[in-house]
Amino acid sequence: MKDRFERHKQPWTASEIDKLHTLAKKGMALKAIAKALTRSEESVKTRAKADGLSIAKLH
């Protein structure tokens, strides 16, 4: 868990945003998207909300 916040407050790159949109459209879970982008779930959730994306919530 040591490397978890290494990217703290890093700006989103265009490729990360594209990947976020692609994964969200595929219906991937928040946790899986966060892991794929190596970002926190909170960061992914905030960015998705800002872009008007809905992310599947798996229970």
N, C-alpha and C. Protein backbone atom coordinates (compact mmCIF):
# COMPACT_ATOMS: atom_id res chain seq x y z
N MET A 1 0.82 -1.22 0.00
CA MET A 1 0.00 0.00 0.00
C MET A 1 0.86 1.27 0.00
N LYS A 2 2.16 1.08 0.11
CA LYS A 2 3.08 2.21 0.19
C LYS A 2 3.00 3.14 -1.03
N ASP A 3 2.84 2.55 -2.22
CA ASP A 3 2.86 3.36 -3.44
C ASP A 3 1.49 3.91 -3.82
N ARG A 4 0.52 3.79 -2.95
CA ARG A 4 -0.84 4.16 -3.28
C ARG A 4 -1.01 5.63 -3.67
N PHE A 5 -0.36 6.54 -2.95
CA PHE A 5 -0.57 7.95 -3.21
C PHE A 5 0.61 8.61 -3.90
N GLU A 6 1.39 7.81 -4.60
CA GLU A 6 2.52 8.34 -5.33
C GLU A 6 2.08 9.37 -6.37
N ARG A 7 0.90 9.18 -6.93
CA ARG A 7 0.42 10.06 -7.99
C ARG A 7 -0.54 11.10 -7.44
N HIS A 8 -0.47 11.38 -6.17
CA HIS A 8 -1.40 12.29 -5.52
C HIS A 8 -1.48 13.63 -6.24
N LYS A 9 -2.70 14.01 -6.58
CA LYS A 9 -2.99 15.31 -7.21
C LYS A 9 -2.34 15.51 -8.58
N GLN A 10 -2.03 14.42 -9.27
CA GLN A 10 -1.45 14.53 -10.61
C GLN A 10 -2.54 14.91 -11.60
N PRO A 11 -2.25 15.78 -12.55
CA PRO A 11 -3.27 16.12 -13.56
C PRO A 11 -3.56 14.93 -14.46
N TRP A 12 -4.78 14.87 -14.96
CA TRP A 12 -5.18 13.78 -15.86
C TRP A 12 -4.61 14.05 -17.25
N THR A 13 -4.08 13.01 -17.87
CA THR A 13 -3.60 13.14 -19.24
C THR A 13 -4.75 12.81 -20.20
N ALA A 14 -4.61 13.23 -21.44
CA ALA A 14 -5.65 12.97 -22.45
C ALA A 14 -5.86 11.47 -22.63
N SER A 15 -4.78 10.70 -22.61
CA SER A 15 -4.91 9.25 -22.80
C SER A 15 -5.63 8.60 -21.62
N GLU A 16 -5.38 9.11 -20.41
CA GLU A 16 -6.08 8.57 -19.23
C GLU A 16 -7.58 8.87 -19.31
N ILE A 17 -7.90 10.06 -19.77
CA ILE A 17 -9.31 10.45 -19.90
C ILE A 17 -9.99 9.57 -20.95
N ASP A 18 -9.32 9.34 -22.07
CA ASP A 18 -9.86 8.45 -23.11
C ASP A 18 -10.10 7.05 -22.55
N LYS A 19 -9.13 6.56 -21.80
CA LYS A 19 -9.24 5.22 -21.23
C LYS A 19 -10.39 5.17 -20.23
N LEU A 20 -10.53 6.21 -19.43
CA LEU A 20 -11.63 6.29 -18.46
C LEU A 20 -12.97 6.20 -19.18
N HIS A 21 -13.13 6.98 -20.25
CA HIS A 21 -14.37 6.98 -21.03
C HIS A 21 -14.65 5.59 -21.61
N THR A 22 -13.61 4.97 -22.17
CA THR A 22 -13.76 3.64 -22.77
C THR A 22 -14.19 2.61 -21.73
N LEU A 23 -13.50 2.59 -20.60
CA LEU A 23 -13.80 1.59 -19.56
C LEU A 23 -15.18 1.83 -18.95
N ALA A 24 -15.55 3.08 -18.77
CA ALA A 24 -16.86 3.40 -18.20
C ALA A 24 -17.97 2.96 -19.15
N LYS A 25 -17.76 3.16 -20.45
CA LYS A 25 -18.76 2.75 -21.44
C LYS A 25 -18.91 1.23 -21.51
N LYS A 26 -17.81 0.52 -21.21
CA LYS A 26 -17.86 -0.95 -21.19
C LYS A 26 -18.58 -1.46 -19.95
N GLY A 27 -18.85 -0.58 -19.01
CA GLY A 27 -19.55 -0.98 -17.79
C GLY A 27 -18.66 -1.58 -16.72
N MET A 28 -17.39 -1.23 -16.74
CA MET A 28 -16.48 -1.74 -15.71
C MET A 28 -16.77 -1.10 -14.37
N ALA A 29 -16.44 -1.82 -13.31
CA ALA A 29 -16.66 -1.34 -11.95
C ALA A 29 -15.63 -0.26 -11.60
N LEU A 30 -16.00 0.60 -10.68
CA LEU A 30 -15.13 1.69 -10.23
C LEU A 30 -13.76 1.19 -9.79
N LYS A 31 -13.76 0.13 -8.98
CA LYS A 31 -12.51 -0.41 -8.46
C LYS A 31 -11.59 -0.88 -9.59
N ALA A 32 -12.17 -1.54 -10.59
CA ALA A 32 -11.39 -2.05 -11.72
C ALA A 32 -10.83 -0.90 -12.56
N ILE A 33 -11.62 0.14 -12.77
CA ILE A 33 -11.17 1.31 -13.53
C ILE A 33 -10.04 2.01 -12.79
N ALA A 34 -10.21 2.18 -11.49
CA ALA A 34 -9.19 2.84 -10.67
C ALA A 34 -7.87 2.07 -10.75
N LYS A 35 -7.95 0.75 -10.70
CA LYS A 35 -6.75 -0.07 -10.76
C LYS A 35 -6.10 0.03 -12.15
N ALA A 36 -6.91 0.00 -13.19
CA ALA A 36 -6.39 0.09 -14.56
C ALA A 36 -5.69 1.42 -14.81
N LEU A 37 -6.19 2.48 -14.18
CA LEU A 37 -5.61 3.81 -14.39
C LEU A 37 -4.57 4.17 -13.33
N THR A 38 -4.36 3.27 -12.38
CA THR A 38 -3.50 3.51 -11.21
C THR A 38 -3.83 4.85 -10.56
N ARG A 39 -5.10 5.02 -10.29
CA ARG A 39 -5.59 6.20 -9.57
C ARG A 39 -6.54 5.74 -8.49
N SER A 40 -6.80 6.61 -7.52
CA SER A 40 -7.71 6.23 -6.44
C SER A 40 -9.14 6.20 -6.97
N GLU A 41 -9.98 5.41 -6.29
CA GLU A 41 -11.39 5.33 -6.67
C GLU A 41 -12.03 6.71 -6.59
N GLU A 42 -11.65 7.47 -5.57
CA GLU A 42 -12.21 8.81 -5.39
C GLU A 42 -11.86 9.73 -6.56
N SER A 43 -10.62 9.64 -7.00
CA SER A 43 -10.16 10.44 -8.13
C SER A 43 -10.93 10.08 -9.40
N VAL A 44 -11.09 8.78 -9.64
CA VAL A 44 -11.81 8.31 -10.82
C VAL A 44 -13.27 8.77 -10.76
N LYS A 45 -13.87 8.64 -9.58
CA LYS A 45 -15.28 9.02 -9.40
C LYS A 45 -15.48 10.51 -9.67
N THR A 46 -14.58 11.33 -9.16
CA THR A 46 -14.66 12.78 -9.34
C THR A 46 -14.51 13.15 -10.80
N ARG A 47 -13.52 12.54 -11.47
CA ARG A 47 -13.29 12.85 -12.89
C ARG A 47 -14.48 12.40 -13.75
N ALA A 48 -15.02 11.24 -13.46
CA ALA A 48 -16.16 10.72 -14.22
C ALA A 48 -17.37 11.64 -14.06
N LYS A 49 -17.56 12.12 -12.84
CA LYS A 49 -18.68 13.03 -12.58
C LYS A 49 -18.50 14.34 -13.34
N ALA A 50 -17.28 14.84 -13.36
CA ALA A 50 -16.97 16.08 -14.07
C ALA A 50 -17.20 15.92 -15.58
N ASP A 51 -16.96 14.71 -16.09
CA ASP A 51 -17.15 14.44 -17.52
C ASP A 51 -18.55 13.95 -17.85
N GLY A 52 -19.39 13.82 -16.83
CA GLY A 52 -20.77 13.37 -17.05
C GLY A 52 -20.88 11.89 -17.37
N LEU A 53 -19.94 11.10 -16.87
CA LEU A 53 -19.96 9.65 -17.09
C LEU A 53 -20.63 8.96 -15.91
N SER A 54 -21.28 7.84 -16.18
CA SER A 54 -21.79 7.05 -15.07
C SER A 54 -20.97 5.77 -15.01
N ILE A 55 -20.56 5.41 -13.80
CA ILE A 55 -19.73 4.24 -13.61
C ILE A 55 -20.56 3.19 -12.87
N ALA A 56 -20.50 1.97 -13.36
CA ALA A 56 -21.24 0.87 -12.75
C ALA A 56 -20.76 0.65 -11.32
N LYS A 57 -21.71 0.49 -10.43
CA LYS A 57 -21.37 0.21 -9.03
C LYS A 57 -21.71 -1.26 -8.77
N LEU A 58 -20.69 -2.07 -8.62
CA LEU A 58 -20.92 -3.48 -8.34
C LEU A 58 -20.96 -3.68 -6.83
N HIS A 59 -21.99 -4.38 -6.39
CA HIS A 59 -22.16 -4.60 -4.94
C HIS A 59 -21.67 -5.96 -4.56
